[in-house]
Amino acid sequence: MSTLIQEMFNQISEEYDGQRRNLIPCFEDFYKTLVAIVNVDNNIPKILDIGAGTGLCSYFLLKKYPDAKLTLIDLSDKMLEMAKKRFANNSSVQYIAQDYTRYESSEQYDIIISALSIHHLTGNQKEHLYAKVFQLLKPGGVFVNADQVLGQTEFLDDLYKTDWHVKIEASGLSSEEVEAAFERIKLDKMSTLSDQLTWLGQAGFSDVDCVYKYFNFVVLFGRKL
């Protein structure tokens, strides 16, 4: 992942959480769906959050698994500093400032999650990442990716982008915040939903599905048998 992405998210680390509800029109359903479909037998699961940012996604999941052992990995050290403040009273959280596409570990996880990060990768990088995630999961483990996708056709992609632009311009964000959001999406390298479902299946995942979709916001699921 590029240093430009790292720099951009370092700059917005302190404002990031406050803008989430404005920038994600389907915020509530988006995160609630992710949490709802993460079900494992272990009440003290090991969770890996890739592209964890400020730890917002993990924060929601901890309400379901309060005793979980969390590992948060993100390219931006400034974003992880915000996560450390969020989980200041939780000694079961590990932080790794690293490009998660290069992450290697002999440890396996019960749950791997990601939210609004993998769309920064090229198609080839996504494909390789899904294979890596499969290897990092324990048998019976689940992977959930809440992210944005490219429209299947140029018409649909324009439809998605136009809808998002209209909604965030009416969201209450300042003109500077809106402009900054438009600049950040120039770094996106979205792939289609169909391609990503295919890559998950090829990586070895079972029961691969898109369990939620709102325009280009999706929640993808797969489990390792």
C-alpha atoms as a PDB file:
ATOM      1  CA  MET A   1       0.000   0.000   0.000  1.00  0.00           C
ATOM      2  CA  SER A   2       1.234   3.475  -0.836  1.00  0.00           C
ATOM      3  CA  THR A   3       2.853   6.001   1.470  1.00  0.00           C
ATOM      4  CA  LEU A   4       0.346   8.529   0.045  1.00  0.00           C
ATOM      5  CA  ILE A   5      -2.490   6.564   1.668  1.00  0.00           C
ATOM      6  CA  GLN A   6      -0.520   6.431   4.907  1.00  0.00           C
ATOM      7  CA  GLU A   7       0.054  10.203   4.883  1.00  0.00           C
ATOM      8  CA  MET A   8      -3.562  11.007   4.047  1.00  0.00           C
ATOM      9  CA  PHE A   9      -4.963   8.898   6.873  1.00  0.00           C
ATOM     10  CA  ASN A  10      -2.363  10.187   9.312  1.00  0.00           C
ATOM     11  CA  GLN A  11      -3.664  13.677   8.569  1.00  0.00           C
ATOM     12  CA  ILE A  12      -7.327  12.859   9.236  1.00  0.00           C
ATOM     13  CA  SER A  13      -6.838  10.470  12.173  1.00  0.00           C
ATOM     14  CA  GLU A  14      -8.396  12.779  14.773  1.00  0.00           C
ATOM     15  CA  GLU A  15     -11.451  13.654  12.637  1.00  0.00           C
ATOM     16  CA  TYR A  16     -11.989  10.184  11.155  1.00  0.00           C
ATOM     17  CA  ASP A  17     -14.533   8.747  13.596  1.00  0.00           C
ATOM     18  CA  GLY A  18     -16.572  11.920  13.785  1.00  0.00           C
ATOM     19  CA  GLN A  19     -17.094  11.892  10.023  1.00  0.00           C
ATOM     20  CA  ARG A  20     -18.026   8.220   9.645  1.00  0.00           C
ATOM     21  CA  ARG A  21     -21.786   8.603  10.017  1.00  0.00           C
ATOM     22  CA  ASN A  22     -21.765  11.428   7.484  1.00  0.00           C
ATOM     23  CA  LEU A  23     -19.631   9.608   4.934  1.00  0.00           C
ATOM     24  CA  ILE A  24     -21.411   6.242   5.182  1.00  0.00           C
ATOM     25  CA  PRO A  25     -25.109   6.788   4.431  1.00  0.00           C
ATOM     26  CA  CYS A  26     -25.907   3.245   5.617  1.00  0.00           C
ATOM     27  CA  PHE A  27     -23.664   3.443   8.705  1.00  0.00           C
ATOM     28  CA  GLU A  28     -25.934   1.629  11.179  1.00  0.00           C
ATOM     29  CA  ASP A  29     -26.882  -1.324   8.981  1.00  0.00           C
ATOM     30  CA  PHE A  30     -23.369  -1.582   7.558  1.00  0.00           C
ATOM     31  CA  TYR A  31     -21.673  -2.216  10.901  1.00  0.00           C
ATOM     32  CA  LYS A  32     -24.592  -4.054  12.509  1.00  0.00           C
ATOM     33  CA  THR A  33     -24.579  -6.563   9.665  1.00  0.00           C
ATOM     34  CA  LEU A  34     -20.866  -7.204  10.078  1.00  0.00           C
ATOM     35  CA  VAL A  35     -21.284  -7.895  13.791  1.00  0.00           C
ATOM     36  CA  ALA A  36     -24.409 -10.021  13.295  1.00  0.00           C
ATOM     37  CA  ILE A  37     -22.759 -12.506  10.929  1.00  0.00           C
ATOM     38  CA  VAL A  38     -19.585 -12.999  12.965  1.00  0.00           C
ATOM     39  CA  ASN A  39     -20.414 -16.162  14.894  1.00  0.00           C
ATOM     40  CA  VAL A  40     -17.808 -18.590  16.245  1.00  0.00           C
ATOM     41  CA  ASP A  41     -17.875 -21.238  18.977  1.00  0.00           C
ATOM     42  CA  ASN A  42     -15.060 -19.648  20.996  1.00  0.00           C
ATOM     43  CA  ASN A  43     -16.246 -17.068  23.572  1.00  0.00           C
ATOM     44  CA  ILE A  44     -12.712 -15.682  23.799  1.00  0.00           C
ATOM     45  CA  PRO A  45     -11.863 -15.509  20.117  1.00  0.00           C
ATOM     46  CA  LYS A  46      -8.661 -14.222  18.609  1.00  0.00           C
ATOM     47  CA  ILE A  47      -9.624 -11.432  16.241  1.00  0.00           C
ATOM     48  CA  LEU A  48      -7.462  -9.818  13.567  1.00  0.00           C
ATOM     49  CA  ASP A  49      -8.690  -6.459  12.258  1.00  0.00           C
ATOM     50  CA  ILE A  50      -6.873  -5.597   9.033  1.00  0.00           C
ATOM     51  CA  GLY A  51      -6.817  -1.952   8.044  1.00  0.00           C
ATOM     52  CA  ALA A  52      -8.156  -1.352  11.533  1.00  0.00           C
ATOM     53  CA  GLY A  53      -7.702   2.418  11.554  1.00  0.00           C
ATOM     54  CA  THR A  54      -9.074   3.874  14.779  1.00  0.00           C
ATOM     55  CA  GLY A  55     -10.510   0.499  15.823  1.00  0.00           C
ATOM     56  CA  LEU A  56     -14.131   1.474  15.149  1.00  0.00           C
ATOM     57  CA  CYS A  57     -15.097  -1.885  13.655  1.00  0.00           C
ATOM     58  CA  SER A  58     -13.416  -3.810  16.473  1.00  0.00           C
ATOM     59  CA  TYR A  59     -15.159  -1.578  18.995  1.00  0.00           C
ATOM     60  CA  PHE A  60     -18.549  -2.744  17.719  1.00  0.00           C
ATOM     61  CA  LEU A  61     -17.474  -6.383  17.591  1.00  0.00           C
ATOM     62  CA  LEU A  62     -16.174  -6.274  21.177  1.00  0.00           C
ATOM     63  CA  LYS A  63     -19.720  -5.630  22.341  1.00  0.00           C
ATOM     64  CA  LYS A  64     -20.487  -9.152  21.103  1.00  0.00           C
ATOM     65  CA  TYR A  65     -17.212 -10.725  22.254  1.00  0.00           C
ATOM     66  CA  PRO A  66     -16.085  -8.572  25.206  1.00  0.00           C
ATOM     67  CA  ASP A  67     -13.293 -10.988  26.211  1.00  0.00           C
ATOM     68  CA  ALA A  68     -11.804 -11.303  22.729  1.00  0.00           C
ATOM     69  CA  LYS A  69      -8.082 -10.944  22.121  1.00  0.00           C
ATOM     70  CA  LEU A  70      -7.684  -8.278  19.461  1.00  0.00           C
ATOM     71  CA  THR A  71      -4.884  -7.609  17.008  1.00  0.00           C
ATOM     72  CA  LEU A  72      -5.228  -4.354  15.090  1.00  0.00           C
ATOM     73  CA  ILE A  73      -3.016  -3.804  12.064  1.00  0.00           C
ATOM     74  CA  ASP A  74      -2.909  -0.626  10.006  1.00  0.00           C
ATOM     75  CA  LEU A  75      -0.468   1.269   7.821  1.00  0.00           C
ATOM     76  CA  SER A  76      -1.164   4.548   9.633  1.00  0.00           C
ATOM     77  CA  ASP A  77       0.486   4.877  13.036  1.00  0.00           C
ATOM     78  CA  LYS A  78      -1.603   7.995  13.737  1.00  0.00           C
ATOM     79  CA  MET A  79      -4.830   6.054  13.229  1.00  0.00           C
ATOM     80  CA  LEU A  80      -3.584   3.358  15.576  1.00  0.00           C
ATOM     81  CA  GLU A  81      -2.812   6.023  18.177  1.00  0.00           C
ATOM     82  CA  MET A  82      -6.521   6.854  18.150  1.00  0.00           C
ATOM     83  CA  ALA A  83      -7.295   3.147  18.542  1.00  0.00           C
ATOM     84  CA  LYS A  84      -4.991   2.993  21.563  1.00  0.00           C
ATOM     85  CA  LYS A  85      -6.979   5.789  23.171  1.00  0.00           C
ATOM     86  CA  ARG A  86     -10.211   3.955  22.395  1.00  0.00           C
ATOM     87  CA  PHE A  87      -8.998   0.721  23.992  1.00  0.00           C
ATOM     88  CA  ALA A  88      -6.876   2.308  26.721  1.00  0.00           C
ATOM     89  CA  ASN A  89      -8.535   0.150  29.385  1.00  0.00           C
ATOM     90  CA  ASN A  90      -8.242  -3.098  27.428  1.00  0.00           C
ATOM     91  CA  SER A  91      -4.962  -4.969  27.920  1.00  0.00           C
ATOM     92  CA  SER A  92      -5.968  -7.661  25.401  1.00  0.00           C
ATOM     93  CA  VAL A  93      -5.338  -5.483  22.345  1.00  0.00           C
ATOM     94  CA  GLN A  94      -2.179  -5.675  20.244  1.00  0.00           C
ATOM     95  CA  TYR A  95      -1.259  -2.986  17.722  1.00  0.00           C
ATOM     96  CA  ILE A  96       0.823  -3.468  14.578  1.00  0.00           C
ATOM     97  CA  ALA A  97       1.758  -0.482  12.393  1.00  0.00           C
ATOM     98  CA  GLN A  98       2.440  -2.268   9.134  1.00  0.00           C
ATOM     99  CA  ASP A  99       1.245  -2.827   5.588  1.00  0.00           C
ATOM    100  CA  TYR A 100      -1.156  -5.717   6.177  1.00  0.00           C
ATOM    101  CA  THR A 101      -0.573  -7.126   2.703  1.00  0.00           C
ATOM    102  CA  ARG A 102       2.907  -8.055   3.974  1.00  0.00           C
ATOM    103  CA  TYR A 103       1.806  -9.367   7.361  1.00  0.00           C
ATOM    104  CA  GLU A 104       3.094 -12.831   8.230  1.00  0.00           C
ATOM    105  CA  SER A 105       2.242 -14.786  11.357  1.00  0.00           C
ATOM    106  CA  SER A 106       2.403 -18.353  12.607  1.00  0.00           C
ATOM    107  CA  GLU A 107      -0.643 -17.540  14.736  1.00  0.00           C
ATOM    108  CA  GLN A 108      -4.129 -18.298  13.457  1.00  0.00           C
ATOM    109  CA  TYR A 109      -7.302 -16.382  14.242  1.00  0.00           C
ATOM    110  CA  ASP A 110     -10.931 -17.283  14.905  1.00  0.00           C
ATOM    111  CA  ILE A 111     -12.169 -14.116  13.245  1.00  0.00           C
ATOM    112  CA  ILE A 112     -10.650 -11.771  10.672  1.00  0.00           C
ATOM    113  CA  ILE A 113     -12.468  -8.537   9.862  1.00  0.00           C
ATOM    114  CA  SER A 114     -11.861  -5.510   7.728  1.00  0.00           C
ATOM    115  CA  ALA A 115     -13.875  -2.348   7.174  1.00  0.00           C
ATOM    116  CA  LEU A 116     -13.387   0.222   4.432  1.00  0.00           C
ATOM    117  CA  SER A 117      -9.753  -0.570   3.730  1.00  0.00           C
ATOM    118  CA  ILE A 118      -9.313  -3.340   1.161  1.00  0.00           C
ATOM    119  CA  HIS A 119     -10.703  -1.125  -1.614  1.00  0.00           C
ATOM    120  CA  HIS A 120      -7.345   0.670  -1.545  1.00  0.00           C
ATOM    121  CA  LEU A 121      -5.721  -2.450  -3.047  1.00  0.00           C
ATOM    122  CA  THR A 122      -5.488  -3.388  -6.702  1.00  0.00           C
ATOM    123  CA  GLY A 123      -7.421  -6.429  -7.897  1.00  0.00           C
ATOM    124  CA  ASN A 124      -4.300  -8.562  -7.864  1.00  0.00           C
ATOM    125  CA  GLN A 125      -3.468  -7.426  -4.333  1.00  0.00           C
ATOM    126  CA  LYS A 126      -6.995  -8.219  -3.153  1.00  0.00           C
ATOM    127  CA  GLU A 127      -6.773 -11.694  -4.631  1.00  0.00           C
ATOM    128  CA  HIS A 128      -3.466 -12.372  -2.862  1.00  0.00           C
ATOM    129  CA  LEU A 129      -4.780 -10.878   0.390  1.00  0.00           C
ATOM    130  CA  TYR A 130      -7.820 -13.165   0.434  1.00  0.00           C
ATOM    131  CA  ALA A 131      -5.528 -16.170   0.057  1.00  0.00           C
ATOM    132  CA  LYS A 132      -3.386 -14.876   2.942  1.00  0.00           C
ATOM    133  CA  VAL A 133      -6.461 -14.298   5.124  1.00  0.00           C
ATOM    134  CA  PHE A 134      -7.616 -17.863   4.488  1.00  0.00           C
ATOM    135  CA  GLN A 135      -4.258 -19.192   5.697  1.00  0.00           C
ATOM    136  CA  LEU A 136      -4.394 -16.992   8.811  1.00  0.00           C
ATOM    137  CA  LEU A 137      -7.805 -18.339   9.842  1.00  0.00           C
ATOM    138  CA  LYS A 138      -8.332 -21.340  12.076  1.00  0.00           C
ATOM    139  CA  PRO A 139     -10.619 -24.077  10.723  1.00  0.00           C
ATOM    140  CA  GLY A 140     -14.129 -22.922  11.581  1.00  0.00           C
ATOM    141  CA  GLY A 141     -13.019 -19.307  11.432  1.00  0.00           C
ATOM    142  CA  VAL A 142     -14.833 -16.545   9.588  1.00  0.00           C
ATOM    143  CA  PHE A 143     -13.788 -13.577   7.480  1.00  0.00           C
ATOM    144  CA  VAL A 144     -16.003 -10.533   7.036  1.00  0.00           C
ATOM    145  CA  ASN A 145     -15.108  -7.597   4.810  1.00  0.00           C
ATOM    146  CA  ALA A 146     -17.309  -4.497   4.996  1.00  0.00           C
ATOM    147  CA  ASP A 147     -16.194  -2.362   2.103  1.00  0.00           C
ATOM    148  CA  GLN A 148     -16.994  -0.533  -1.111  1.00  0.00           C
ATOM    149  CA  VAL A 149     -17.094  -2.069  -4.575  1.00  0.00           C
ATOM    150  CA  LEU A 150     -16.944  -0.928  -8.167  1.00  0.00           C
ATOM    151  CA  GLY A 151     -20.214  -0.982 -10.068  1.00  0.00           C
ATOM    152  CA  GLN A 152     -20.552  -3.974 -12.384  1.00  0.00           C
ATOM    153  CA  THR A 153     -21.094  -1.620 -15.321  1.00  0.00           C
ATOM    154  CA  GLU A 154     -20.053   1.957 -16.004  1.00  0.00           C
ATOM    155  CA  PHE A 155     -23.691   3.037 -15.705  1.00  0.00           C
ATOM    156  CA  LEU A 156     -24.075   1.434 -12.268  1.00  0.00           C
ATOM    157  CA  ASP A 157     -20.770   2.816 -11.029  1.00  0.00           C
ATOM    158  CA  ASP A 158     -21.809   6.340 -12.056  1.00  0.00           C
ATOM    159  CA  LEU A 159     -25.142   5.769 -10.314  1.00  0.00           C
ATOM    160  CA  TYR A 160     -23.402   4.723  -7.080  1.00  0.00           C
ATOM    161  CA  LYS A 161     -20.957   7.629  -7.118  1.00  0.00           C
ATOM    162  CA  THR A 162     -23.623  10.220  -7.923  1.00  0.00           C
ATOM    163  CA  ASP A 163     -25.845   8.997  -5.087  1.00  0.00           C
ATOM    164  CA  TRP A 164     -22.941   9.116  -2.614  1.00  0.00           C
ATOM    165  CA  HIS A 165     -21.899  12.617  -3.692  1.00  0.00           C
ATOM    166  CA  VAL A 166     -25.438  13.947  -3.285  1.00  0.00           C
ATOM    167  CA  LYS A 167     -25.820  12.396   0.162  1.00  0.00           C
ATOM    168  CA  ILE A 168     -22.534  13.548   1.661  1.00  0.00           C
ATOM    169  CA  GLU A 169     -22.990  17.068   0.302  1.00  0.00           C
ATOM    170  CA  ALA A 170     -26.274  17.151   2.252  1.00  0.00           C
ATOM    171  CA  SER A 171     -24.817  15.398   5.316  1.00  0.00           C
ATOM    172  CA  GLY A 172     -23.800  18.438   7.320  1.00  0.00           C
ATOM    173  CA  LEU A 173     -20.074  18.132   6.663  1.00  0.00           C
ATOM    174  CA  SER A 174     -18.240  21.364   5.883  1.00  0.00           C
ATOM    175  CA  SER A 175     -17.249  22.103   2.300  1.00  0.00           C
ATOM    176  CA  GLU A 176     -13.618  21.470   3.291  1.00  0.00           C
ATOM    177  CA  GLU A 177     -14.492  18.050   4.737  1.00  0.00           C
ATOM    178  CA  VAL A 178     -16.484  17.127   1.634  1.00  0.00           C
ATOM    179  CA  GLU A 179     -13.646  18.202  -0.640  1.00  0.00           C
ATOM    180  CA  ALA A 180     -11.152  16.190   1.425  1.00  0.00           C
ATOM    181  CA  ALA A 181     -13.392  13.115   1.096  1.00  0.00           C
ATOM    182  CA  PHE A 182     -13.498  13.572  -2.684  1.00  0.00           C
ATOM    183  CA  GLU A 183      -9.700  13.765  -2.719  1.00  0.00           C
ATOM    184  CA  ARG A 184      -9.374  10.534  -0.708  1.00  0.00           C
ATOM    185  CA  ILE A 185     -11.567   8.541  -3.086  1.00  0.00           C
ATOM    186  CA  LYS A 186      -9.106   9.324  -5.878  1.00  0.00           C
ATOM    187  CA  LEU A 187      -6.816   6.796  -4.166  1.00  0.00           C
ATOM    188  CA  ASP A 188      -9.451   4.042  -4.285  1.00  0.00           C
ATOM    189  CA  LYS A 189      -8.882   0.994  -6.488  1.00  0.00           C
ATOM    190  CA  MET A 190     -12.264  -0.639  -6.206  1.00  0.00           C
ATOM    191  CA  SER A 191     -13.053  -4.012  -7.744  1.00  0.00           C
ATOM    192  CA  THR A 192     -16.443  -5.398  -8.677  1.00  0.00           C
ATOM    193  CA  LEU A 193     -18.498  -7.459  -6.271  1.00  0.00           C
ATOM    194  CA  SER A 194     -18.499 -10.449  -8.615  1.00  0.00           C
ATOM    195  CA  ASP A 195     -14.699 -10.463  -8.895  1.00  0.00           C
ATOM    196  CA  GLN A 196     -14.272 -10.373  -5.140  1.00  0.00           C
ATOM    197  CA  LEU A 197     -16.740 -13.189  -4.520  1.00  0.00           C
ATOM    198  CA  THR A 198     -14.811 -15.222  -7.089  1.00  0.00           C
ATOM    199  CA  TRP A 199     -11.464 -14.492  -5.409  1.00  0.00           C
ATOM    200  CA  LEU A 200     -12.821 -15.485  -2.009  1.00  0.00           C
ATOM    201  CA  GLY A 201     -14.025 -18.791  -3.416  1.00  0.00           C
ATOM    202  CA  GLN A 202     -10.723 -19.412  -5.162  1.00  0.00           C
ATOM    203  CA  ALA A 203      -8.878 -18.711  -1.906  1.00  0.00           C
ATOM    204  CA  GLY A 204     -10.730 -21.660  -0.355  1.00  0.00           C
ATOM    205  CA  PHE A 205     -13.567 -19.971   1.518  1.00  0.00           C
ATOM    206  CA  SER A 206     -16.914 -21.731   1.865  1.00  0.00           C
ATOM    207  CA  ASP A 207     -20.379 -20.159   2.014  1.00  0.00           C
ATOM    208  CA  VAL A 208     -19.086 -17.056   0.273  1.00  0.00           C
ATOM    209  CA  ASP A 209     -21.766 -14.410   0.002  1.00  0.00           C
ATOM    210  CA  CYS A 210     -22.584 -10.720  -0.108  1.00  0.00           C
ATOM    211  CA  VAL A 211     -24.916 -10.537   2.871  1.00  0.00           C
ATOM    212  CA  TYR A 212     -25.572  -6.801   2.645  1.00  0.00           C
ATOM    213  CA  LYS A 213     -25.508  -4.259  -0.148  1.00  0.00           C
ATOM    214  CA  TYR A 214     -26.414  -0.581  -0.243  1.00  0.00           C
ATOM    215  CA  PHE A 215     -25.365   0.922  -3.566  1.00  0.00           C
ATOM    216  CA  ASN A 216     -21.588   0.247  -3.497  1.00  0.00           C
ATOM    217  CA  PHE A 217     -21.355  -0.471   0.254  1.00  0.00           C
ATOM    218  CA  VAL A 218     -21.210  -4.227   0.809  1.00  0.00           C
ATOM    219  CA  VAL A 219     -20.552  -6.781   3.537  1.00  0.00           C
ATOM    220  CA  LEU A 220     -18.816  -9.916   2.266  1.00  0.00           C
ATOM    221  CA  PHE A 221     -18.643 -13.201   4.158  1.00  0.00           C
ATOM    222  CA  GLY A 222     -16.671 -16.431   3.961  1.00  0.00           C
ATOM    223  CA  ARG A 223     -15.728 -19.196   6.371  1.00  0.00           C
ATOM    224  CA  LYS A 224     -12.959 -21.747   6.552  1.00  0.00           C
ATOM    225  CA  LEU A 225     -14.204 -25.282   7.020  1.00  0.00           C
END
